């Protein structure tokens, strides 16, 4: 679902999953974070396409939420 999606759509979906998206000061980068995952990937907020690290992070959170909410 998340591979090949543009960055704006990916961030919108990430926020629905509870992922915090914070702009980093004066860099044009965005930092993604979720309480369940310790790493916080950074992405270039000026790009239109979503980098693999961002889509992988969103997919990982999605799997955690679907796995814990199913049973």
Protein backbone atom coordinates (compact mmCIF):
# COMPACT_ATOMS: atom_id res chain seq x y z
CA UNK A 1 0.00 0.00 0.00
CA UNK A 2 2.67 2.52 0.94
CA UNK A 3 5.38 1.89 -1.69
CA UNK A 4 5.13 4.16 -4.71
CA UNK A 5 2.87 6.71 -2.98
CA UNK A 6 3.62 10.43 -3.00
CA UNK A 7 4.93 12.01 0.20
CA UNK A 8 1.86 14.13 1.00
CA UNK A 9 -0.45 11.09 0.85
CA UNK A 10 1.99 9.00 2.88
CA UNK A 11 2.19 11.66 5.62
CA UNK A 12 -1.59 11.97 5.71
CA UNK A 13 -1.88 8.20 6.16
CA UNK A 14 0.93 8.20 8.75
CA UNK A 15 -0.90 10.77 10.87
CA UNK A 16 -4.02 8.59 10.80
CA UNK A 17 -1.91 5.74 12.21
CA UNK A 18 -0.72 7.95 15.07
CA UNK A 19 2.71 8.73 13.68
CA UNK A 20 3.99 12.17 14.68
CA UNK A 21 5.38 14.19 11.77
CA UNK A 22 7.58 17.07 12.94
CA UNK A 23 9.42 19.57 10.78
CA UNK A 24 13.07 19.95 11.72
CA UNK A 25 14.23 23.50 12.09
CA UNK A 26 15.64 25.16 8.98
CA UNK A 27 16.53 21.92 7.23
CA UNK A 28 13.45 21.17 5.15
CA UNK A 29 13.45 17.71 6.69
CA UNK A 30 10.59 15.98 8.48
CA UNK A 31 11.05 13.54 11.32
CA UNK A 32 8.65 10.63 11.80
CA UNK A 33 8.13 9.07 15.20
CA UNK A 34 5.84 6.60 16.91
CA UNK A 35 5.92 5.50 20.57
CA UNK A 36 6.16 1.80 19.64
CA UNK A 37 9.29 2.14 17.51
CA UNK A 38 12.50 3.67 18.90
CA UNK A 39 14.02 4.89 15.62
CA UNK A 40 12.96 8.17 14.06
CA UNK A 41 13.60 8.38 10.33
CA UNK A 42 14.13 11.73 8.64
CA UNK A 43 12.85 12.55 5.16
CA UNK A 44 13.30 15.48 2.82
CA UNK A 45 10.01 17.38 3.07
CA UNK A 46 10.56 19.12 -0.26
CA UNK A 47 10.38 15.95 -2.33
CA UNK A 48 7.17 14.83 -3.97
CA UNK A 49 7.91 11.11 -3.85
CA UNK A 50 8.16 9.24 -0.59
CA UNK A 51 11.55 7.73 0.28
CA UNK A 52 11.74 4.05 1.11
CA UNK A 53 12.70 4.69 4.77
CA UNK A 54 9.45 6.62 5.27
CA UNK A 55 7.23 4.06 3.59
CA UNK A 56 8.98 1.20 5.44
CA UNK A 57 8.48 3.00 8.76
CA UNK A 58 4.76 3.58 8.08
CA UNK A 59 4.37 -0.03 6.97
CA UNK A 60 6.07 -1.24 10.18
CA UNK A 61 3.68 0.81 12.34
CA UNK A 62 0.74 -0.41 10.28
CA UNK A 63 1.77 -4.04 10.88
CA UNK A 64 2.09 -3.39 14.63
CA UNK A 65 -1.36 -1.84 14.85
CA UNK A 66 -3.10 -4.44 12.70
CA UNK A 67 -1.36 -7.26 14.55
CA UNK A 68 -2.31 -5.97 18.01
CA UNK A 69 -5.87 -4.92 17.14
CA UNK A 70 -6.97 -8.09 15.36
CA UNK A 71 -7.35 -10.39 18.38
